[in-house]
Amino acid sequence: MEENTQYFDAYEENLLNELVRTVSSLGMLDGQLLNSEDIDQKWKEWAPEYIAEALPEVNSYPEFAIACAGYAGMAVAKWWDADWGRHHGTDYSSLHGPRGFDDMDEYIVQNILGLKLDSPEAKQLVNILLVCAQKASTFIQHEQIERQTVKAFHIFARTVKVMYRIGAAIQLRRLGYKLHKVALDRKGMQPLS
């Protein structure tokens, strides 16, 4: 079992690194993944419900099934920044539009991120998440895994986890967050000025 875990961990890390590079080349990240334990924890809570809804869509709409995890990450990052005390207990179903999972992307863009669907910013986000979902789909295909197997399930689960984290990172960057190196002195562990 440890061999499988190492395989899935390596797959996840390689996909994450590739998508960070891709999104950075499109100007939406600076070569590093922005994240928060709170945001990552929300995925652990929501993943079973998300995967249960997305998995049946994989054969017909693979990019959509993958991309919606990125939209979910964007929503959580927005809530985390705005008022995590109020939003940390939000249910997964709050991401659904009137058609449930089928219009989750549009609902999040319009109702959670507050963008008009035809705005340049919304179109840019949609295009970036589509590019990432297509790249992730290609990653899955390169694994040459038999469909509807336990291995295929785990690869899909790792893929949507990465997409969620990428979506959250994009939104954090849009909100102005950046990673900065901080040099600490050895005695008091205070930032050096």
C-alpha atoms as a PDB file:
ATOM      1  CA  MET A   1       0.000   0.000   0.000  1.00  0.00           C
ATOM      2  CA  GLU A   2       2.899   2.381   0.753  1.00  0.00           C
ATOM      3  CA  GLU A   3       4.095   1.974  -2.837  1.00  0.00           C
ATOM      4  CA  ASN A   4       0.671   3.151  -4.092  1.00  0.00           C
ATOM      5  CA  THR A   5       0.705   6.115  -1.703  1.00  0.00           C
ATOM      6  CA  GLN A   6       4.127   7.157  -2.994  1.00  0.00           C
ATOM      7  CA  TYR A   7       2.874   6.848  -6.575  1.00  0.00           C
ATOM      8  CA  PHE A   8      -0.198   9.004  -5.874  1.00  0.00           C
ATOM      9  CA  ASP A   9       1.868  11.528  -3.890  1.00  0.00           C
ATOM     10  CA  ALA A  10       4.346  11.855  -6.768  1.00  0.00           C
ATOM     11  CA  TYR A  11       1.507  12.232  -9.282  1.00  0.00           C
ATOM     12  CA  GLU A  12      -0.104  14.956  -7.155  1.00  0.00           C
ATOM     13  CA  GLU A  13       3.172  16.831  -6.667  1.00  0.00           C
ATOM     14  CA  ASN A  14       4.036  16.699 -10.380  1.00  0.00           C
ATOM     15  CA  LEU A  15       0.580  17.913 -11.384  1.00  0.00           C
ATOM     16  CA  LEU A  16       0.641  20.693  -8.797  1.00  0.00           C
ATOM     17  CA  ASN A  17       4.069  21.886  -9.950  1.00  0.00           C
ATOM     18  CA  GLU A  18       2.969  21.833 -13.590  1.00  0.00           C
ATOM     19  CA  LEU A  19      -0.203  23.801 -12.899  1.00  0.00           C
ATOM     20  CA  VAL A  20       1.646  26.357 -10.759  1.00  0.00           C
ATOM     21  CA  ARG A  21       4.051  26.847 -13.694  1.00  0.00           C
ATOM     22  CA  THR A  22       1.156  27.131 -16.131  1.00  0.00           C
ATOM     23  CA  VAL A  23      -0.804  29.627 -14.047  1.00  0.00           C
ATOM     24  CA  SER A  24       2.367  31.617 -13.365  1.00  0.00           C
ATOM     25  CA  SER A  25       3.113  31.797 -17.093  1.00  0.00           C
ATOM     26  CA  LEU A  26      -0.387  33.259 -17.515  1.00  0.00           C
ATOM     27  CA  GLY A  27       0.393  35.936 -14.919  1.00  0.00           C
ATOM     28  CA  MET A  28      -1.928  34.698 -12.168  1.00  0.00           C
ATOM     29  CA  LEU A  29       0.720  33.325  -9.756  1.00  0.00           C
ATOM     30  CA  ASP A  30       4.364  34.122  -9.048  1.00  0.00           C
ATOM     31  CA  GLY A  31       5.779  30.613  -9.316  1.00  0.00           C
ATOM     32  CA  GLN A  32       4.606  29.562  -5.858  1.00  0.00           C
ATOM     33  CA  LEU A  33       1.398  28.103  -4.501  1.00  0.00           C
ATOM     34  CA  LEU A  34      -0.405  30.445  -2.126  1.00  0.00           C
ATOM     35  CA  ASN A  35      -2.344  28.461   0.455  1.00  0.00           C
ATOM     36  CA  SER A  36      -3.762  28.293   3.947  1.00  0.00           C
ATOM     37  CA  GLU A  37      -4.381  25.358   6.281  1.00  0.00           C
ATOM     38  CA  ASP A  38      -7.950  26.600   6.762  1.00  0.00           C
ATOM     39  CA  ILE A  39      -8.593  26.500   3.026  1.00  0.00           C
ATOM     40  CA  ASP A  40      -6.940  23.091   2.599  1.00  0.00           C
ATOM     41  CA  GLN A  41      -8.965  21.725   5.516  1.00  0.00           C
ATOM     42  CA  LYS A  42     -12.200  22.774   3.832  1.00  0.00           C
ATOM     43  CA  TRP A  43     -11.321  20.563   0.870  1.00  0.00           C
ATOM     44  CA  LYS A  44     -10.911  17.570   3.178  1.00  0.00           C
ATOM     45  CA  GLU A  45     -14.431  18.253   4.431  1.00  0.00           C
ATOM     46  CA  TRP A  46     -15.973  18.784   0.994  1.00  0.00           C
ATOM     47  CA  ALA A  47     -14.024  16.271  -1.125  1.00  0.00           C
ATOM     48  CA  PRO A  48     -16.365  13.292  -0.635  1.00  0.00           C
ATOM     49  CA  GLU A  49     -19.427  15.286  -1.741  1.00  0.00           C
ATOM     50  CA  TYR A  50     -17.575  16.940  -4.607  1.00  0.00           C
ATOM     51  CA  ILE A  51     -16.170  13.660  -5.917  1.00  0.00           C
ATOM     52  CA  ALA A  52     -19.583  11.961  -5.639  1.00  0.00           C
ATOM     53  CA  GLU A  53     -21.050  14.667  -7.899  1.00  0.00           C
ATOM     54  CA  ALA A  54     -18.117  15.105 -10.274  1.00  0.00           C
ATOM     55  CA  LEU A  55     -17.181  11.485 -10.924  1.00  0.00           C
ATOM     56  CA  PRO A  56     -20.317  10.649 -12.953  1.00  0.00           C
ATOM     57  CA  GLU A  57     -19.511  13.641 -15.209  1.00  0.00           C
ATOM     58  CA  VAL A  58     -15.944  12.556 -16.023  1.00  0.00           C
ATOM     59  CA  ASN A  59     -16.722  10.497 -19.121  1.00  0.00           C
ATOM     60  CA  SER A  60     -18.946  13.135 -20.751  1.00  0.00           C
ATOM     61  CA  TYR A  61     -17.439  16.367 -19.403  1.00  0.00           C
ATOM     62  CA  PRO A  62     -13.972  15.648 -17.996  1.00  0.00           C
ATOM     63  CA  GLU A  63     -12.674  19.222 -18.027  1.00  0.00           C
ATOM     64  CA  PHE A  64     -15.813  20.518 -16.312  1.00  0.00           C
ATOM     65  CA  ALA A  65     -15.660  17.802 -13.643  1.00  0.00           C
ATOM     66  CA  ILE A  66     -12.055  18.796 -12.927  1.00  0.00           C
ATOM     67  CA  ALA A  67     -12.390  22.582 -13.299  1.00  0.00           C
ATOM     68  CA  CYS A  68     -15.258  22.960 -10.839  1.00  0.00           C
ATOM     69  CA  ALA A  69     -12.874  22.018  -8.033  1.00  0.00           C
ATOM     70  CA  GLY A  70     -10.861  25.121  -8.964  1.00  0.00           C
ATOM     71  CA  TYR A  71     -13.978  27.252  -8.701  1.00  0.00           C
ATOM     72  CA  ALA A  72     -14.683  25.733  -5.274  1.00  0.00           C
ATOM     73  CA  GLY A  73     -11.163  26.682  -4.183  1.00  0.00           C
ATOM     74  CA  MET A  74     -11.710  30.232  -5.386  1.00  0.00           C
ATOM     75  CA  ALA A  75     -14.960  30.479  -3.409  1.00  0.00           C
ATOM     76  CA  VAL A  76     -13.344  29.248  -0.204  1.00  0.00           C
ATOM     77  CA  ALA A  77     -10.377  31.610  -0.601  1.00  0.00           C
ATOM     78  CA  LYS A  78     -12.792  34.498  -1.068  1.00  0.00           C
ATOM     79  CA  TRP A  79     -14.686  33.529   2.090  1.00  0.00           C
ATOM     80  CA  TRP A  80     -11.451  32.969   4.012  1.00  0.00           C
ATOM     81  CA  ASP A  81     -10.330  36.494   3.207  1.00  0.00           C
ATOM     82  CA  ALA A  82     -13.717  38.147   3.746  1.00  0.00           C
ATOM     83  CA  ASP A  83     -14.874  36.615   7.040  1.00  0.00           C
ATOM     84  CA  TRP A  84     -13.651  33.124   7.886  1.00  0.00           C
ATOM     85  CA  GLY A  85     -15.383  33.200  11.248  1.00  0.00           C
ATOM     86  CA  ARG A  86     -18.708  33.419   9.460  1.00  0.00           C
ATOM     87  CA  HIS A  87     -17.896  31.174   6.497  1.00  0.00           C
ATOM     88  CA  HIS A  88     -15.758  28.357   7.921  1.00  0.00           C
ATOM     89  CA  GLY A  89     -18.831  26.198   8.533  1.00  0.00           C
ATOM     90  CA  THR A  90     -20.373  26.753   5.110  1.00  0.00           C
ATOM     91  CA  ASP A  91     -21.795  23.595   3.539  1.00  0.00           C
ATOM     92  CA  TYR A  92     -20.619  22.273   0.185  1.00  0.00           C
ATOM     93  CA  SER A  93     -24.137  22.734  -1.235  1.00  0.00           C
ATOM     94  CA  SER A  94     -23.699  26.521  -0.943  1.00  0.00           C
ATOM     95  CA  LEU A  95     -21.546  26.317  -4.099  1.00  0.00           C
ATOM     96  CA  HIS A  96     -24.472  25.062  -6.161  1.00  0.00           C
ATOM     97  CA  GLY A  97     -26.410  27.205  -8.553  1.00  0.00           C
ATOM     98  CA  PRO A  98     -30.049  26.631  -9.495  1.00  0.00           C
ATOM     99  CA  ARG A  99     -29.042  23.537 -11.515  1.00  0.00           C
ATOM    100  CA  GLY A 100     -26.860  22.107  -8.752  1.00  0.00           C
ATOM    101  CA  PHE A 101     -23.435  20.905  -9.858  1.00  0.00           C
ATOM    102  CA  ASP A 102     -24.207  21.688 -13.512  1.00  0.00           C
ATOM    103  CA  ASP A 103     -23.873  25.446 -13.092  1.00  0.00           C
ATOM    104  CA  MET A 104     -21.524  25.580 -10.116  1.00  0.00           C
ATOM    105  CA  ASP A 105     -18.897  27.424 -12.161  1.00  0.00           C
ATOM    106  CA  GLU A 106     -21.198  30.262 -13.198  1.00  0.00           C
ATOM    107  CA  TYR A 107     -22.799  30.481  -9.767  1.00  0.00           C
ATOM    108  CA  ILE A 108     -19.436  30.854  -8.026  1.00  0.00           C
ATOM    109  CA  VAL A 109     -18.163  33.443 -10.517  1.00  0.00           C
ATOM    110  CA  GLN A 110     -21.344  35.526 -10.312  1.00  0.00           C
ATOM    111  CA  ASN A 111     -22.675  35.047  -6.809  1.00  0.00           C
ATOM    112  CA  ILE A 112     -19.575  34.385  -4.714  1.00  0.00           C
ATOM    113  CA  LEU A 113     -16.778  36.171  -6.563  1.00  0.00           C
ATOM    114  CA  GLY A 114     -19.168  38.940  -7.611  1.00  0.00           C
ATOM    115  CA  LEU A 115     -18.147  39.111 -11.270  1.00  0.00           C
ATOM    116  CA  LYS A 116     -20.395  39.517 -14.288  1.00  0.00           C
ATOM    117  CA  LEU A 117     -20.053  36.430 -16.478  1.00  0.00           C
ATOM    118  CA  ASP A 118     -19.261  38.502 -19.563  1.00  0.00           C
ATOM    119  CA  SER A 119     -16.651  40.676 -17.811  1.00  0.00           C
ATOM    120  CA  PRO A 120     -13.013  40.444 -18.975  1.00  0.00           C
ATOM    121  CA  GLU A 121     -11.941  39.309 -15.495  1.00  0.00           C
ATOM    122  CA  ALA A 122     -14.512  36.481 -15.402  1.00  0.00           C
ATOM    123  CA  LYS A 123     -13.553  35.380 -18.910  1.00  0.00           C
ATOM    124  CA  GLN A 124      -9.873  35.344 -17.899  1.00  0.00           C
ATOM    125  CA  LEU A 125     -10.598  33.155 -14.867  1.00  0.00           C
ATOM    126  CA  VAL A 126     -12.758  30.777 -16.902  1.00  0.00           C
ATOM    127  CA  ASN A 127     -10.009  30.449 -19.529  1.00  0.00           C
ATOM    128  CA  ILE A 128      -7.283  29.840 -16.944  1.00  0.00           C
ATOM    129  CA  LEU A 129      -9.275  27.153 -15.137  1.00  0.00           C
ATOM    130  CA  LEU A 130     -10.115  25.542 -18.483  1.00  0.00           C
ATOM    131  CA  VAL A 131      -6.429  25.461 -19.461  1.00  0.00           C
ATOM    132  CA  CYS A 132      -5.590  23.908 -16.080  1.00  0.00           C
ATOM    133  CA  ALA A 133      -8.387  21.341 -16.377  1.00  0.00           C
ATOM    134  CA  GLN A 134      -7.243  20.379 -19.886  1.00  0.00           C
ATOM    135  CA  LYS A 135      -3.664  20.001 -18.677  1.00  0.00           C
ATOM    136  CA  ALA A 136      -4.860  17.911 -15.706  1.00  0.00           C
ATOM    137  CA  SER A 137      -6.942  15.746 -18.039  1.00  0.00           C
ATOM    138  CA  THR A 138      -3.842  15.160 -20.158  1.00  0.00           C
ATOM    139  CA  PHE A 139      -1.909  14.208 -17.009  1.00  0.00           C
ATOM    140  CA  ILE A 140      -4.564  11.607 -16.216  1.00  0.00           C
ATOM    141  CA  GLN A 141      -4.425  10.212 -19.752  1.00  0.00           C
ATOM    142  CA  HIS A 142      -0.639   9.877 -19.579  1.00  0.00           C
ATOM    143  CA  GLU A 143      -1.034   7.595 -16.569  1.00  0.00           C
ATOM    144  CA  GLN A 144      -2.778   5.091 -18.867  1.00  0.00           C
ATOM    145  CA  ILE A 145      -5.032   3.853 -16.099  1.00  0.00           C
ATOM    146  CA  GLU A 146      -7.917   1.548 -16.766  1.00  0.00           C
ATOM    147  CA  ARG A 147     -11.213   3.393 -16.281  1.00  0.00           C
ATOM    148  CA  GLN A 148     -13.475   2.645 -13.339  1.00  0.00           C
ATOM    149  CA  THR A 149     -10.728   1.134 -11.208  1.00  0.00           C
ATOM    150  CA  VAL A 150      -9.610   1.995  -7.695  1.00  0.00           C
ATOM    151  CA  LYS A 151      -6.446   3.511  -9.156  1.00  0.00           C
ATOM    152  CA  ALA A 152      -8.477   5.701 -11.524  1.00  0.00           C
ATOM    153  CA  PHE A 153     -10.601   6.893  -8.597  1.00  0.00           C
ATOM    154  CA  HIS A 154      -7.532   7.874  -6.567  1.00  0.00           C
ATOM    155  CA  ILE A 155      -5.945   9.677  -9.522  1.00  0.00           C
ATOM    156  CA  PHE A 156      -9.163  11.647 -10.058  1.00  0.00           C
ATOM    157  CA  ALA A 157      -9.371  12.473  -6.346  1.00  0.00           C
ATOM    158  CA  ARG A 158      -5.773  13.751  -6.337  1.00  0.00           C
ATOM    159  CA  THR A 159      -6.398  15.718  -9.540  1.00  0.00           C
ATOM    160  CA  VAL A 160      -9.411  17.600  -8.205  1.00  0.00           C
ATOM    161  CA  LYS A 161      -7.586  18.272  -4.933  1.00  0.00           C
ATOM    162  CA  VAL A 162      -4.821  19.963  -6.940  1.00  0.00           C
ATOM    163  CA  MET A 163      -7.373  21.951  -8.941  1.00  0.00           C
ATOM    164  CA  TYR A 164      -9.033  23.119  -5.726  1.00  0.00           C
ATOM    165  CA  ARG A 165      -5.669  24.301  -4.379  1.00  0.00           C
ATOM    166  CA  ILE A 166      -4.850  26.051  -7.681  1.00  0.00           C
ATOM    167  CA  GLY A 167      -8.217  27.836  -7.662  1.00  0.00           C
ATOM    168  CA  ALA A 168      -7.654  28.957  -4.076  1.00  0.00           C
ATOM    169  CA  ALA A 169      -4.147  30.189  -4.931  1.00  0.00           C
ATOM    170  CA  ILE A 170      -5.432  32.183  -7.910  1.00  0.00           C
ATOM    171  CA  GLN A 171      -8.075  33.843  -5.756  1.00  0.00           C
ATOM    172  CA  LEU A 172      -5.599  34.599  -2.955  1.00  0.00           C
ATOM    173  CA  ARG A 173      -3.320  36.247  -5.522  1.00  0.00           C
ATOM    174  CA  ARG A 174      -6.265  38.234  -6.905  1.00  0.00           C
ATOM    175  CA  LEU A 175      -6.908  39.436  -3.352  1.00  0.00           C
ATOM    176  CA  GLY A 176      -3.334  40.697  -3.082  1.00  0.00           C
ATOM    177  CA  TYR A 177      -1.663  37.941  -1.075  1.00  0.00           C
ATOM    178  CA  LYS A 178       1.998  37.195  -1.800  1.00  0.00           C
ATOM    179  CA  LEU A 179       4.689  35.032  -0.266  1.00  0.00           C
ATOM    180  CA  HIS A 180       7.618  36.908   1.224  1.00  0.00           C
ATOM    181  CA  LYS A 181      10.829  35.510   2.629  1.00  0.00           C
ATOM    182  CA  VAL A 182      11.437  36.650   6.167  1.00  0.00           C
ATOM    183  CA  ALA A 183      14.921  36.550   7.683  1.00  0.00           C
ATOM    184  CA  LEU A 184      14.818  35.865  11.410  1.00  0.00           C
ATOM    185  CA  ASP A 185      17.548  36.587  13.937  1.00  0.00           C
ATOM    186  CA  ARG A 186      18.667  33.506  15.870  1.00  0.00           C
ATOM    187  CA  LYS A 187      18.170  34.848  19.396  1.00  0.00           C
ATOM    188  CA  GLY A 188      14.681  36.257  19.608  1.00  0.00           C
ATOM    189  CA  MET A 189      13.283  34.829  16.365  1.00  0.00           C
ATOM    190  CA  GLN A 190      12.281  38.337  15.333  1.00  0.00           C
ATOM    191  CA  PRO A 191      12.208  39.522  11.728  1.00  0.00           C
ATOM    192  CA  LEU A 192      15.383  41.392  10.800  1.00  0.00           C
ATOM    193  CA  SER A 193      14.843  44.957   9.706  1.00  0.00           C
END
